[in-house]
C-alpha cells in the first residue's frame, strides 16, 4: 500500500512513477488519465500543461484508481 503525504504537492511524473513503477512516466500518466477520465473534477488537470497535482486532486485520483482495481 502506498503511503501518500496528503500535505505535499507531487509532480505528475512522481505520481506516475509511484503508481506504475514498471512503466515509463509518460505512458503511466496517460494510463492514469484514462482510468480517471470519468472524474469530471480532474478534466482541467489532465488537459493542462501543469506539472504538479494538488493534494485534493491526488485524493480523487487515488480513490478512482482504487475503485477500478
Protein backbone atom coordinates (compact mmCIF):
# COMPACT_ATOMS: atom_id res chain seq x y z
CA UNK A 1 0.00 0.00 0.00
CA UNK A 2 1.32 3.41 -0.96
CA UNK A 3 1.73 5.93 1.85
CA UNK A 4 0.86 9.35 0.43
CA UNK A 5 1.76 12.62 2.11
CA UNK A 6 -1.55 14.47 1.64
CA UNK A 7 0.08 17.81 2.51
CA UNK A 8 2.64 17.57 -0.28
CA UNK A 9 2.34 18.63 -3.90
CA UNK A 10 3.55 15.84 -6.19
CA UNK A 11 4.51 16.20 -9.83
CA UNK A 12 2.65 14.20 -12.45
CA UNK A 13 5.88 12.28 -13.14
CA UNK A 14 6.29 11.36 -9.48
CA UNK A 15 2.74 10.08 -9.22
CA UNK A 16 3.08 8.08 -12.42
CA UNK A 17 6.34 6.53 -11.18
CA UNK A 18 4.89 5.69 -7.75
CA UNK A 19 1.67 4.12 -9.06
CA UNK A 20 3.13 2.32 -12.10
CA UNK A 21 6.89 1.95 -11.48
CA UNK A 22 7.24 -0.67 -14.23
CA UNK A 23 6.03 1.75 -16.96
CA UNK A 24 7.56 4.85 -18.48
CA UNK A 25 6.39 8.01 -16.75
CA UNK A 26 4.62 9.37 -19.82
CA UNK A 27 2.77 6.12 -20.53
CA UNK A 28 1.90 5.70 -16.86
CA UNK A 29 0.45 9.23 -16.62
CA UNK A 30 -1.60 8.66 -19.78
CA UNK A 31 -2.92 5.42 -18.26
CA UNK A 32 -3.84 7.23 -15.05
CA UNK A 33 -5.68 9.91 -17.02
CA UNK A 34 -7.59 7.25 -18.98
CA UNK A 35 -8.56 5.39 -15.81
CA UNK A 36 -9.74 8.63 -14.20
CA UNK A 37 -11.48 10.15 -17.22
CA UNK A 38 -14.90 9.83 -15.57
CA UNK A 39 -13.76 12.15 -12.78
CA UNK A 40 -15.12 15.47 -14.04
CA UNK A 41 -13.25 17.44 -11.38
CA UNK A 42 -9.95 16.35 -12.94
CA UNK A 43 -10.54 17.35 -16.56
CA UNK A 44 -8.59 20.58 -16.12
CA UNK A 45 -5.68 18.69 -14.63
CA UNK A 46 -5.45 16.18 -17.45
CA UNK A 47 -5.84 18.81 -20.18
CA UNK A 48 -3.39 21.30 -18.73
CA UNK A 49 0.37 21.52 -19.12
CA UNK A 50 0.71 21.97 -15.37
CA UNK A 51 3.38 19.65 -13.98
CA UNK A 52 2.02 19.27 -10.47
CA UNK A 53 -1.05 17.75 -8.83
CA UNK A 54 -2.74 19.36 -5.86
CA UNK A 55 -3.45 17.20 -2.79
CA UNK A 56 -7.22 17.29 -3.33
CA UNK A 57 -6.71 16.13 -6.95
CA UNK A 58 -4.41 13.34 -5.79
CA UNK A 59 -7.10 12.11 -3.38
CA UNK A 60 -9.58 11.90 -6.27
CA UNK A 61 -7.05 10.02 -8.42
CA UNK A 62 -6.21 7.51 -5.68
CA UNK A 63 -9.90 6.94 -4.90
CA UNK A 64 -10.71 6.42 -8.59
CA UNK A 65 -7.81 4.01 -9.12
CA UNK A 66 -8.74 2.03 -6.00
CA UNK A 67 -12.31 1.65 -7.25
CA UNK A 68 -11.02 0.48 -10.68
CA UNK A 69 -8.82 -2.21 -9.17
